[in-house]
Amino acid sequence: MKPGGSPSCAANMCKAMTYKAKSLGVSFHFKTSVKRLIKKGNRIIGFIAETPEGEELLVRARAVIIATGGFGDNPDWIKKYTGYEHEKDLITFRVSGLKGDGIRMAWEMGVLSPLL
């Protein structure tokens, strides 16, 4: 086998992690955008999200993991925080929707320092 595993390795890993998460009682909310983190003292205890139907969803959690993928689809932030201009002197993957929302929410809660 070549380094990196088989082509179906990622799919198998996702399937195994999904099965384990469901067995632990994790619920999944697809196409649901987190709008705001909820902070109590020095801890993030949950978040407010919006469902595709526009319904507000309050989620309380012992831990919140922000895994939004950065800000590659935000040319203004790219210029501000890297000094590069998108598609002029910097080429990125620019995945649609990666505007930096998770980073912004973390900054607002004081759990991540703004980029210098």
N, C-alpha and C. Protein backbone atom coordinates (compact mmCIF):
# COMPACT_ATOMS: atom_id res chain seq x y z
N MET A 1 0.84 -1.18 0.00
CA MET A 1 0.00 0.00 0.00
C MET A 1 0.88 1.24 0.00
N LYS A 2 0.49 2.25 -0.75
CA LYS A 2 1.23 3.50 -0.80
C LYS A 2 1.02 4.30 0.49
N PRO A 3 1.99 5.16 0.83
CA PRO A 3 1.80 6.02 2.00
C PRO A 3 0.52 6.83 1.87
N GLY A 4 -0.19 7.01 2.98
CA GLY A 4 -1.42 7.79 2.96
C GLY A 4 -2.66 6.92 2.92
N GLY A 5 -2.51 5.61 2.76
CA GLY A 5 -3.68 4.73 2.79
C GLY A 5 -4.37 4.63 1.46
N SER A 6 -5.47 3.89 1.47
CA SER A 6 -6.23 3.67 0.25
C SER A 6 -7.13 4.86 -0.05
N PRO A 7 -7.65 4.94 -1.29
CA PRO A 7 -8.54 6.05 -1.64
C PRO A 7 -9.78 6.12 -0.76
N SER A 8 -10.23 5.00 -0.22
CA SER A 8 -11.44 5.00 0.61
C SER A 8 -11.12 5.19 2.09
N CYS A 9 -9.86 5.45 2.44
CA CYS A 9 -9.45 5.60 3.83
C CYS A 9 -10.24 6.71 4.53
N ALA A 10 -10.34 7.89 3.90
CA ALA A 10 -11.05 9.02 4.52
C ALA A 10 -12.53 8.69 4.71
N ALA A 11 -13.13 8.07 3.70
CA ALA A 11 -14.55 7.71 3.81
C ALA A 11 -14.77 6.71 4.94
N ASN A 12 -13.88 5.74 5.06
CA ASN A 12 -14.00 4.75 6.13
C ASN A 12 -13.81 5.39 7.50
N MET A 13 -12.86 6.33 7.60
CA MET A 13 -12.63 7.02 8.87
C MET A 13 -13.85 7.85 9.26
N CYS A 14 -14.42 8.57 8.28
CA CYS A 14 -15.62 9.38 8.56
C CYS A 14 -16.77 8.49 9.02
N LYS A 15 -16.93 7.36 8.37
CA LYS A 15 -18.00 6.42 8.74
C LYS A 15 -17.80 5.92 10.16
N ALA A 16 -16.57 5.55 10.51
CA ALA A 16 -16.28 5.05 11.87
C ALA A 16 -16.50 6.14 12.91
N MET A 17 -16.06 7.36 12.62
CA MET A 17 -16.24 8.46 13.59
C MET A 17 -17.71 8.83 13.74
N THR A 18 -18.47 8.79 12.65
CA THR A 18 -19.91 9.08 12.71
C THR A 18 -20.62 8.03 13.55
N TYR A 19 -20.29 6.78 13.34
CA TYR A 19 -20.90 5.69 14.11
C TYR A 19 -20.60 5.87 15.60
N LYS A 20 -19.35 6.16 15.93
CA LYS A 20 -18.96 6.35 17.33
C LYS A 20 -19.67 7.55 17.94
N ALA A 21 -19.73 8.67 17.20
CA ALA A 21 -20.41 9.86 17.70
C ALA A 21 -21.88 9.58 17.98
N LYS A 22 -22.55 8.89 17.06
CA LYS A 22 -23.97 8.56 17.27
C LYS A 22 -24.15 7.66 18.48
N SER A 23 -23.23 6.72 18.68
CA SER A 23 -23.33 5.83 19.84
C SER A 23 -23.14 6.58 21.16
N LEU A 24 -22.49 7.74 21.10
CA LEU A 24 -22.29 8.57 22.29
C LEU A 24 -23.40 9.61 22.47
N GLY A 25 -24.37 9.61 21.55
CA GLY A 25 -25.49 10.53 21.66
C GLY A 25 -25.30 11.87 20.98
N VAL A 26 -24.29 11.98 20.13
CA VAL A 26 -24.05 13.24 19.40
C VAL A 26 -25.16 13.42 18.37
N SER A 27 -25.68 14.65 18.29
CA SER A 27 -26.66 14.96 17.24
C SER A 27 -25.99 15.80 16.17
N PHE A 28 -26.43 15.65 14.95
CA PHE A 28 -25.85 16.35 13.80
C PHE A 28 -26.88 17.32 13.25
N HIS A 29 -26.44 18.53 12.90
CA HIS A 29 -27.30 19.55 12.33
C HIS A 29 -26.60 20.09 11.09
N PHE A 30 -26.98 19.59 9.94
CA PHE A 30 -26.34 20.00 8.69
C PHE A 30 -26.93 21.30 8.18
N LYS A 31 -26.12 22.07 7.46
CA LYS A 31 -26.53 23.36 6.89
C LYS A 31 -27.08 24.29 7.97
N THR A 32 -26.53 24.20 9.16
CA THR A 32 -26.94 25.01 10.30
C THR A 32 -25.77 25.89 10.70
N SER A 33 -25.94 27.20 10.60
CA SER A 33 -24.85 28.14 10.84
C SER A 33 -24.83 28.61 12.29
N VAL A 34 -23.66 28.53 12.92
CA VAL A 34 -23.50 29.08 14.26
C VAL A 34 -23.43 30.59 14.12
N LYS A 35 -24.23 31.28 14.90
CA LYS A 35 -24.28 32.75 14.85
C LYS A 35 -23.53 33.39 16.00
N ARG A 36 -23.52 32.71 17.17
CA ARG A 36 -22.91 33.32 18.35
C ARG A 36 -22.54 32.25 19.36
N LEU A 37 -21.38 32.43 19.98
CA LEU A 37 -20.97 31.55 21.07
C LEU A 37 -21.57 32.06 22.37
N ILE A 38 -21.80 31.16 23.32
CA ILE A 38 -22.33 31.54 24.62
C ILE A 38 -21.22 31.33 25.65
N LYS A 39 -20.93 32.39 26.40
CA LYS A 39 -19.84 32.36 27.37
C LYS A 39 -20.40 32.56 28.77
N LYS A 40 -19.89 31.78 29.73
CA LYS A 40 -20.24 31.94 31.14
C LYS A 40 -18.92 31.96 31.90
N GLY A 41 -18.60 33.11 32.48
CA GLY A 41 -17.30 33.26 33.13
C GLY A 41 -16.21 33.17 32.08
N ASN A 42 -15.28 32.26 32.30
CA ASN A 42 -14.17 32.07 31.35
C ASN A 42 -14.38 30.89 30.42
N ARG A 43 -15.60 30.34 30.39
CA ARG A 43 -15.85 29.13 29.59
C ARG A 43 -16.88 29.38 28.51
N ILE A 44 -16.68 28.74 27.38
CA ILE A 44 -17.69 28.70 26.33
C ILE A 44 -18.58 27.51 26.67
N ILE A 45 -19.88 27.76 26.85
CA ILE A 45 -20.79 26.70 27.31
C ILE A 45 -21.79 26.29 26.24
N GLY A 46 -21.68 26.87 25.05
CA GLY A 46 -22.61 26.50 23.99
C GLY A 46 -22.61 27.53 22.89
N PHE A 47 -23.67 27.48 22.09
CA PHE A 47 -23.79 28.42 20.98
C PHE A 47 -25.23 28.55 20.52
N ILE A 48 -25.48 29.62 19.78
CA ILE A 48 -26.77 29.84 19.12
C ILE A 48 -26.53 29.63 17.64
N ALA A 49 -27.38 28.85 17.02
CA ALA A 49 -27.25 28.56 15.59
C ALA A 49 -28.58 28.84 14.89
N GLU A 50 -28.53 28.85 13.57
CA GLU A 50 -29.74 29.04 12.78
C GLU A 50 -29.89 27.89 11.79
N THR A 51 -31.04 27.25 11.82
CA THR A 51 -31.31 26.12 10.93
C THR A 51 -31.61 26.63 9.52
N PRO A 52 -31.62 25.73 8.53
CA PRO A 52 -31.94 26.16 7.16
C PRO A 52 -33.34 26.78 7.05
N GLU A 53 -34.22 26.42 7.98
CA GLU A 53 -35.58 26.98 7.97
C GLU A 53 -35.66 28.33 8.68
N GLY A 54 -34.53 28.82 9.21
CA GLY A 54 -34.51 30.10 9.90
C GLY A 54 -34.80 30.01 11.38
N GLU A 55 -34.92 28.80 11.90
CA GLU A 55 -35.22 28.59 13.32
C GLU A 55 -33.95 28.73 14.16
N GLU A 56 -34.06 29.38 15.31
CA GLU A 56 -32.92 29.53 16.21
C GLU A 56 -32.76 28.26 17.03
N LEU A 57 -31.52 27.83 17.16
CA LEU A 57 -31.21 26.60 17.88
C LEU A 57 -30.20 26.93 18.98
N LEU A 58 -30.56 26.63 20.23
CA LEU A 58 -29.67 26.83 21.36
C LEU A 58 -29.03 25.50 21.71
N VAL A 59 -27.71 25.45 21.69
CA VAL A 59 -26.99 24.22 22.00
C VAL A 59 -26.07 24.48 23.18
N ARG A 60 -26.24 23.72 24.24
CA ARG A 60 -25.34 23.79 25.39
C ARG A 60 -24.35 22.64 25.26
N ALA A 61 -23.09 22.90 25.61
CA ALA A 61 -22.06 21.89 25.41
C ALA A 61 -20.96 22.03 26.46
N ARG A 62 -20.32 20.90 26.78
CA ARG A 62 -19.16 20.94 27.67
C ARG A 62 -17.92 21.44 26.93
N ALA A 63 -17.94 21.30 25.60
CA ALA A 63 -16.82 21.77 24.78
C ALA A 63 -17.37 22.19 23.43
N VAL A 64 -16.77 23.22 22.85
CA VAL A 64 -17.12 23.68 21.51
C VAL A 64 -15.82 23.72 20.71
N ILE A 65 -15.82 23.06 19.57
CA ILE A 65 -14.66 23.04 18.70
C ILE A 65 -14.99 23.88 17.47
N ILE A 66 -14.19 24.91 17.24
CA ILE A 66 -14.39 25.75 16.06
C ILE A 66 -13.52 25.17 14.95
N ALA A 67 -14.17 24.67 13.92
CA ALA A 67 -13.44 24.06 12.80
C ALA A 67 -14.04 24.56 11.49
N THR A 68 -13.97 25.87 11.30
CA THR A 68 -14.64 26.50 10.17
C THR A 68 -13.78 26.65 8.93
N GLY A 69 -12.50 26.39 9.05
CA GLY A 69 -11.66 26.40 7.87
C GLY A 69 -10.99 27.70 7.51
N GLY A 70 -11.03 28.70 8.35
CA GLY A 70 -10.28 29.92 8.07
C GLY A 70 -11.05 30.99 7.36
N PHE A 71 -10.33 31.81 6.55
CA PHE A 71 -10.98 32.93 5.88
C PHE A 71 -10.51 33.08 4.43
N GLY A 72 -10.30 31.95 3.76
CA GLY A 72 -9.82 31.95 2.39
C GLY A 72 -10.78 32.56 1.37
N ASP A 73 -12.06 32.74 1.74
CA ASP A 73 -13.04 33.34 0.83
C ASP A 73 -13.38 34.77 1.28
N ASN A 74 -12.41 35.41 1.96
CA ASN A 74 -12.61 36.76 2.44
C ASN A 74 -11.42 37.63 2.02
N PRO A 75 -11.46 38.17 0.78
CA PRO A 75 -10.33 38.95 0.27
C PRO A 75 -9.93 40.13 1.18
N ASP A 76 -10.91 40.74 1.85
CA ASP A 76 -10.59 41.87 2.75
C ASP A 76 -9.72 41.41 3.92
N TRP A 77 -10.08 40.28 4.52
CA TRP A 77 -9.27 39.76 5.64
C TRP A 77 -7.91 39.29 5.16
N ILE A 78 -7.88 38.68 3.98
CA ILE A 78 -6.58 38.24 3.44
C ILE A 78 -5.66 39.44 3.33
N LYS A 79 -6.16 40.53 2.77
CA LYS A 79 -5.35 41.74 2.62
C LYS A 79 -4.96 42.30 3.99
N LYS A 80 -5.93 42.39 4.90
CA LYS A 80 -5.69 42.98 6.22
C LYS A 80 -4.70 42.18 7.05
N TYR A 81 -4.84 40.84 7.06
CA TYR A 81 -4.06 40.02 7.98
C TYR A 81 -2.82 39.37 7.37
N THR A 82 -2.71 39.38 6.04
CA THR A 82 -1.51 38.82 5.42
C THR A 82 -0.74 39.83 4.62
N GLY A 83 -1.40 40.92 4.22
CA GLY A 83 -0.75 41.92 3.38
C GLY A 83 -0.78 41.57 1.90
N TYR A 84 -1.34 40.41 1.57
CA TYR A 84 -1.41 39.99 0.17
C TYR A 84 -2.78 40.31 -0.41
N GLU A 85 -2.81 40.49 -1.71
CA GLU A 85 -4.08 40.72 -2.40
C GLU A 85 -4.47 39.44 -3.13
N HIS A 86 -5.69 38.97 -2.83
CA HIS A 86 -6.16 37.72 -3.41
C HIS A 86 -6.17 37.81 -4.94
N GLU A 87 -5.64 36.77 -5.56
CA GLU A 87 -5.55 36.59 -7.01
C GLU A 87 -4.62 37.60 -7.69
N LYS A 88 -3.95 38.44 -6.91
CA LYS A 88 -2.93 39.32 -7.48
C LYS A 88 -1.55 38.79 -7.08
N ASP A 89 -1.31 38.69 -5.79
CA ASP A 89 -0.03 38.15 -5.33
C ASP A 89 -0.22 36.98 -4.38
N LEU A 90 -1.44 36.43 -4.33
CA LEU A 90 -1.72 35.25 -3.51
C LEU A 90 -2.82 34.44 -4.17
N ILE A 91 -2.58 33.17 -4.37
CA ILE A 91 -3.60 32.28 -4.92
C ILE A 91 -3.92 31.26 -3.82
N THR A 92 -5.21 31.17 -3.48
CA THR A 92 -5.65 30.21 -2.47
C THR A 92 -6.70 29.29 -3.08
N PHE A 93 -7.15 28.34 -2.29
CA PHE A 93 -8.20 27.44 -2.74
C PHE A 93 -9.56 28.13 -2.74
N ARG A 94 -9.71 29.14 -1.93
CA ARG A 94 -10.92 29.95 -1.81
C ARG A 94 -12.19 29.11 -1.84
N VAL A 95 -12.36 28.33 -0.80
CA VAL A 95 -13.56 27.51 -0.65
C VAL A 95 -14.72 28.44 -0.30
N SER A 96 -15.78 28.37 -1.08
CA SER A 96 -16.94 29.24 -0.89
C SER A 96 -17.47 29.16 0.54
N GLY A 97 -17.70 30.31 1.13
CA GLY A 97 -18.28 30.38 2.47
C GLY A 97 -17.28 30.52 3.60
N LEU A 98 -15.99 30.31 3.34
CA LEU A 98 -15.00 30.41 4.42
C LEU A 98 -14.60 31.88 4.59
N LYS A 99 -15.43 32.59 5.32
CA LYS A 99 -15.29 34.04 5.48
C LYS A 99 -14.61 34.43 6.80
N GLY A 100 -14.35 33.46 7.68
CA GLY A 100 -13.73 33.76 8.97
C GLY A 100 -14.72 33.88 10.10
N ASP A 101 -15.94 33.37 9.92
CA ASP A 101 -16.97 33.49 10.95
C ASP A 101 -16.56 32.86 12.28
N GLY A 102 -15.96 31.69 12.24
CA GLY A 102 -15.54 31.03 13.48
C GLY A 102 -14.44 31.81 14.18
N ILE A 103 -13.50 32.33 13.41
CA ILE A 103 -12.42 33.13 13.98
C ILE A 103 -13.00 34.40 14.62
N ARG A 104 -13.93 35.05 13.93
CA ARG A 104 -14.56 36.27 14.44
C ARG A 104 -15.28 35.98 15.76
N MET A 105 -16.03 34.88 15.83
CA MET A 105 -16.73 34.54 17.06
C MET A 105 -15.76 34.29 18.20
N ALA A 106 -14.65 33.62 17.91
CA ALA A 106 -13.65 33.36 18.95
C ALA A 106 -13.04 34.68 19.43
N TRP A 107 -12.77 35.61 18.53
CA TRP A 107 -12.24 36.92 18.91
C TRP A 107 -13.23 37.64 19.83
N GLU A 108 -14.52 37.60 19.45
CA GLU A 108 -15.54 38.29 20.23
C GLU A 108 -15.64 37.74 21.66
N MET A 109 -15.37 36.46 21.83
CA MET A 109 -15.45 35.83 23.15
C MET A 109 -14.12 35.94 23.91
N GLY A 110 -13.09 36.43 23.24
CA GLY A 110 -11.79 36.55 23.89
C GLY A 110 -11.06 35.23 24.05
N VAL A 111 -11.47 34.20 23.28
CA VAL A 111 -10.80 32.90 23.41
C VAL A 111 -9.68 32.72 22.38
N LEU A 112 -9.52 33.71 21.53
CA LEU A 112 -8.46 33.71 20.53
C LEU A 112 -8.08 35.15 20.28
N SER A 113 -6.80 35.44 20.29
CA SER A 113 -6.36 36.80 20.05
C SER A 113 -6.43 37.13 18.57
N PRO A 114 -6.87 38.34 18.23
CA PRO A 114 -6.90 38.75 16.81
C PRO A 114 -5.50 38.65 16.21
N LEU A 115 -5.48 38.37 14.91
CA LEU A 115 -4.22 38.29 14.19
C LEU A 115 -3.54 39.65 14.21
N LEU A 116 -2.24 39.63 14.25
CA LEU A 116 -1.49 40.91 14.29
C LEU A 116 -1.31 41.44 12.89
